[in-house]
Amino acid sequence: MNENESLPPGWRIVEAHHLEKEYTFPNFAEALAFVNRVGAIAEEMDHHPDVYLAWGKVRIQTWTHVANGLTQKDFVLADRIELRL
């Protein structure tokens, strides 16, 4: 992880190991649609976060498994997710 990496708003570094953000939505359908957009981004990048879906809520966690921590790909993924809200 590069100390100079900037995080999109609302994202946080957890235990110097992964990035995480929770999103809220007015209903399940909008949360699910967001999860599907995140899935499309993950497929495009071949970098797949953990995605937790609940009624009106989605939590995203990302880290690079082969590095067992953060890499540039995680920061790029967070940026791309924010761009496609």
N, C-alpha and C. Protein backbone atom coordinates (compact mmCIF):
# COMPACT_ATOMS: atom_id res chain seq x y z
N MET A 1 0.84 -1.17 0.00
CA MET A 1 0.00 0.00 0.00
C MET A 1 0.88 1.24 0.00
N ASN A 2 0.58 2.16 -0.84
CA ASN A 2 1.30 3.42 -0.93
C ASN A 2 0.65 4.41 0.04
N GLU A 3 1.46 4.99 0.92
CA GLU A 3 0.93 5.94 1.90
C GLU A 3 0.27 7.15 1.24
N ASN A 4 0.62 7.44 -0.01
CA ASN A 4 0.09 8.61 -0.70
C ASN A 4 -1.23 8.34 -1.42
N GLU A 5 -1.72 7.11 -1.36
CA GLU A 5 -2.98 6.79 -2.03
C GLU A 5 -4.10 7.63 -1.41
N SER A 6 -4.96 8.17 -2.25
CA SER A 6 -6.10 8.89 -1.73
C SER A 6 -7.34 8.03 -1.89
N LEU A 7 -8.20 8.11 -0.91
CA LEU A 7 -9.43 7.33 -0.92
C LEU A 7 -10.60 8.18 -1.36
N PRO A 8 -11.51 7.59 -2.12
CA PRO A 8 -12.75 8.30 -2.43
C PRO A 8 -13.51 8.55 -1.13
N PRO A 9 -14.40 9.52 -1.11
CA PRO A 9 -15.17 9.84 0.11
C PRO A 9 -15.90 8.62 0.67
N GLY A 10 -15.81 8.46 1.98
CA GLY A 10 -16.52 7.38 2.65
C GLY A 10 -15.78 6.06 2.75
N TRP A 11 -14.77 5.88 1.95
CA TRP A 11 -13.97 4.65 2.02
C TRP A 11 -13.00 4.77 3.18
N ARG A 12 -12.69 3.63 3.80
CA ARG A 12 -11.70 3.65 4.87
C ARG A 12 -10.79 2.44 4.76
N ILE A 13 -9.59 2.60 5.27
CA ILE A 13 -8.64 1.50 5.34
C ILE A 13 -8.85 0.81 6.68
N VAL A 14 -9.05 -0.49 6.65
CA VAL A 14 -9.31 -1.27 7.85
C VAL A 14 -8.09 -2.13 8.16
N GLU A 15 -7.53 -1.91 9.34
CA GLU A 15 -6.40 -2.71 9.84
C GLU A 15 -5.26 -2.80 8.84
N ALA A 16 -5.04 -1.75 8.06
CA ALA A 16 -3.98 -1.71 7.05
C ALA A 16 -4.03 -2.92 6.12
N HIS A 17 -5.23 -3.50 5.97
CA HIS A 17 -5.37 -4.73 5.19
C HIS A 17 -6.35 -4.61 4.03
N HIS A 18 -7.47 -3.91 4.22
CA HIS A 18 -8.47 -3.81 3.16
C HIS A 18 -9.19 -2.48 3.20
N LEU A 19 -9.85 -2.19 2.08
CA LEU A 19 -10.69 -1.01 1.98
C LEU A 19 -12.13 -1.43 2.20
N GLU A 20 -12.92 -0.51 2.76
CA GLU A 20 -14.31 -0.84 3.05
C GLU A 20 -15.16 0.42 2.97
N LYS A 21 -16.37 0.22 2.50
CA LYS A 21 -17.37 1.29 2.51
C LYS A 21 -18.75 0.67 2.56
N GLU A 22 -19.65 1.34 3.29
CA GLU A 22 -21.04 0.92 3.33
C GLU A 22 -21.90 1.98 2.66
N TYR A 23 -22.81 1.54 1.83
CA TYR A 23 -23.74 2.40 1.10
C TYR A 23 -25.15 2.12 1.60
N THR A 24 -25.99 3.15 1.61
CA THR A 24 -27.39 2.96 1.96
C THR A 24 -28.27 3.36 0.78
N PHE A 25 -29.40 2.68 0.69
CA PHE A 25 -30.35 2.87 -0.40
C PHE A 25 -31.76 2.86 0.19
N PRO A 26 -32.72 3.46 -0.52
CA PRO A 26 -34.07 3.53 0.03
C PRO A 26 -34.83 2.20 0.01
N ASN A 27 -34.31 1.21 -0.70
CA ASN A 27 -35.02 -0.06 -0.78
C ASN A 27 -34.08 -1.17 -1.27
N PHE A 28 -34.57 -2.40 -1.26
CA PHE A 28 -33.77 -3.54 -1.66
C PHE A 28 -33.43 -3.51 -3.15
N ALA A 29 -34.39 -3.12 -3.98
CA ALA A 29 -34.18 -3.13 -5.43
C ALA A 29 -33.01 -2.22 -5.84
N GLU A 30 -32.93 -1.04 -5.25
CA GLU A 30 -31.83 -0.13 -5.60
C GLU A 30 -30.50 -0.64 -5.07
N ALA A 31 -30.50 -1.26 -3.91
CA ALA A 31 -29.27 -1.86 -3.38
C ALA A 31 -28.80 -2.99 -4.29
N LEU A 32 -29.73 -3.81 -4.74
CA LEU A 32 -29.39 -4.92 -5.64
C LEU A 32 -28.87 -4.41 -6.98
N ALA A 33 -29.48 -3.37 -7.52
CA ALA A 33 -29.00 -2.79 -8.78
C ALA A 33 -27.57 -2.28 -8.63
N PHE A 34 -27.26 -1.67 -7.50
CA PHE A 34 -25.90 -1.20 -7.23
C PHE A 34 -24.93 -2.38 -7.18
N VAL A 35 -25.33 -3.45 -6.51
CA VAL A 35 -24.48 -4.65 -6.44
C VAL A 35 -24.18 -5.17 -7.85
N ASN A 36 -25.17 -5.16 -8.71
CA ASN A 36 -24.95 -5.62 -10.09
C ASN A 36 -23.98 -4.71 -10.83
N ARG A 37 -24.04 -3.41 -10.59
CA ARG A 37 -23.07 -2.49 -11.21
C ARG A 37 -21.66 -2.75 -10.68
N VAL A 38 -21.55 -2.98 -9.38
CA VAL A 38 -20.25 -3.30 -8.80
C VAL A 38 -19.71 -4.60 -9.40
N GLY A 39 -20.59 -5.57 -9.58
CA GLY A 39 -20.17 -6.84 -10.19
C GLY A 39 -19.63 -6.66 -11.59
N ALA A 40 -20.26 -5.80 -12.37
CA ALA A 40 -19.79 -5.54 -13.74
C ALA A 40 -18.40 -4.89 -13.72
N ILE A 41 -18.18 -3.96 -12.80
CA ILE A 41 -16.87 -3.32 -12.67
C ILE A 41 -15.83 -4.36 -12.28
N ALA A 42 -16.17 -5.20 -11.32
CA ALA A 42 -15.24 -6.23 -10.86
C ALA A 42 -14.85 -7.17 -11.99
N GLU A 43 -15.82 -7.54 -12.81
CA GLU A 43 -15.52 -8.41 -13.95
C GLU A 43 -14.62 -7.71 -14.96
N GLU A 44 -14.91 -6.44 -15.24
CA GLU A 44 -14.06 -5.67 -16.17
C GLU A 44 -12.61 -5.62 -15.70
N MET A 45 -12.43 -5.47 -14.39
CA MET A 45 -11.08 -5.34 -13.83
C MET A 45 -10.44 -6.68 -13.48
N ASP A 46 -11.24 -7.75 -13.46
CA ASP A 46 -10.79 -9.05 -12.95
C ASP A 46 -10.23 -8.88 -11.53
N HIS A 47 -10.97 -8.12 -10.72
CA HIS A 47 -10.61 -7.86 -9.33
C HIS A 47 -11.91 -7.82 -8.55
N HIS A 48 -12.16 -8.83 -7.73
CA HIS A 48 -13.48 -9.09 -7.18
C HIS A 48 -13.55 -8.82 -5.68
N PRO A 49 -14.32 -7.81 -5.27
CA PRO A 49 -14.46 -7.50 -3.85
C PRO A 49 -15.45 -8.44 -3.17
N ASP A 50 -15.43 -8.41 -1.86
CA ASP A 50 -16.50 -9.05 -1.10
C ASP A 50 -17.65 -8.05 -1.06
N VAL A 51 -18.85 -8.53 -1.34
CA VAL A 51 -20.03 -7.67 -1.40
C VAL A 51 -21.09 -8.25 -0.47
N TYR A 52 -21.57 -7.42 0.45
CA TYR A 52 -22.59 -7.84 1.40
C TYR A 52 -23.85 -7.03 1.14
N LEU A 53 -24.94 -7.72 0.84
CA LEU A 53 -26.20 -7.09 0.47
C LEU A 53 -27.24 -7.36 1.54
N ALA A 54 -27.91 -6.30 1.97
CA ALA A 54 -29.04 -6.40 2.89
C ALA A 54 -30.10 -5.40 2.42
N TRP A 55 -31.25 -5.41 3.04
CA TRP A 55 -32.31 -4.49 2.63
C TRP A 55 -31.81 -3.06 2.80
N GLY A 56 -31.67 -2.34 1.69
CA GLY A 56 -31.28 -0.94 1.71
C GLY A 56 -29.84 -0.68 2.09
N LYS A 57 -29.01 -1.72 2.07
CA LYS A 57 -27.63 -1.53 2.51
C LYS A 57 -26.70 -2.46 1.74
N VAL A 58 -25.53 -1.92 1.37
CA VAL A 58 -24.49 -2.72 0.71
C VAL A 58 -23.15 -2.35 1.34
N ARG A 59 -22.37 -3.36 1.70
CA ARG A 59 -21.01 -3.12 2.19
C ARG A 59 -20.04 -3.77 1.22
N ILE A 60 -19.02 -3.02 0.84
CA ILE A 60 -17.99 -3.50 -0.08
C ILE A 60 -16.68 -3.57 0.70
N GLN A 61 -15.98 -4.69 0.57
CA GLN A 61 -14.63 -4.84 1.10
C GLN A 61 -13.73 -5.32 -0.04
N THR A 62 -12.56 -4.70 -0.16
CA THR A 62 -11.64 -5.13 -1.20
C THR A 62 -10.21 -5.15 -0.69
N TRP A 63 -9.50 -6.16 -1.09
CA TRP A 63 -8.06 -6.28 -0.89
C TRP A 63 -7.56 -7.26 -1.93
N THR A 64 -6.26 -7.27 -2.12
CA THR A 64 -5.67 -8.16 -3.11
C THR A 64 -5.23 -9.44 -2.40
N HIS A 65 -5.91 -10.53 -2.71
CA HIS A 65 -5.69 -11.79 -1.99
C HIS A 65 -4.26 -12.31 -2.14
N VAL A 66 -3.69 -12.24 -3.34
CA VAL A 66 -2.32 -12.75 -3.52
C VAL A 66 -1.30 -11.94 -2.72
N ALA A 67 -1.60 -10.68 -2.44
CA ALA A 67 -0.70 -9.84 -1.65
C ALA A 67 -1.10 -9.87 -0.16
N ASN A 68 -2.26 -10.45 0.14
CA ASN A 68 -2.83 -10.45 1.48
C ASN A 68 -2.87 -9.03 2.07
N GLY A 69 -3.25 -8.09 1.20
CA GLY A 69 -3.34 -6.71 1.63
C GLY A 69 -3.70 -5.81 0.46
N LEU A 70 -3.44 -4.55 0.64
CA LEU A 70 -3.83 -3.56 -0.35
C LEU A 70 -2.79 -3.37 -1.44
N THR A 71 -3.29 -3.20 -2.66
CA THR A 71 -2.45 -2.83 -3.80
C THR A 71 -3.16 -1.72 -4.56
N GLN A 72 -2.51 -1.23 -5.57
CA GLN A 72 -3.08 -0.16 -6.41
C GLN A 72 -4.44 -0.57 -6.97
N LYS A 73 -4.63 -1.85 -7.30
CA LYS A 73 -5.90 -2.31 -7.86
C LYS A 73 -7.08 -2.03 -6.94
N ASP A 74 -6.86 -2.10 -5.65
CA ASP A 74 -7.95 -1.87 -4.70
C ASP A 74 -8.39 -0.41 -4.72
N PHE A 75 -7.44 0.48 -4.81
CA PHE A 75 -7.76 1.91 -4.87
C PHE A 75 -8.45 2.26 -6.19
N VAL A 76 -8.00 1.65 -7.28
CA VAL A 76 -8.62 1.87 -8.59
C VAL A 76 -10.06 1.34 -8.57
N LEU A 77 -10.26 0.17 -7.98
CA LEU A 77 -11.61 -0.39 -7.89
C LEU A 77 -12.53 0.54 -7.10
N ALA A 78 -12.07 1.04 -5.97
CA ALA A 78 -12.88 1.97 -5.17
C ALA A 78 -13.25 3.21 -5.99
N ASP A 79 -12.28 3.75 -6.72
CA ASP A 79 -12.55 4.91 -7.57
C ASP A 79 -13.60 4.60 -8.63
N ARG A 80 -13.48 3.47 -9.27
CA ARG A 80 -14.42 3.10 -10.34
C ARG A 80 -15.82 2.86 -9.80
N ILE A 81 -15.91 2.27 -8.62
CA ILE A 81 -17.24 2.08 -8.01
C ILE A 81 -17.88 3.44 -7.76
N GLU A 82 -17.14 4.39 -7.25
CA GLU A 82 -17.68 5.72 -6.98
C GLU A 82 -18.12 6.42 -8.27
N LEU A 83 -17.40 6.21 -9.35
CA LEU A 83 -17.75 6.85 -10.62
C LEU A 83 -19.05 6.31 -11.19
N ARG A 84 -19.41 5.08 -10.84
CA ARG A 84 -20.61 4.46 -11.41
C ARG A 84 -21.80 4.45 -10.48
N LEU A 85 -21.75 5.25 -9.44
CA LEU A 85 -22.92 5.33 -8.54
C LEU A 85 -24.08 5.76 -9.34
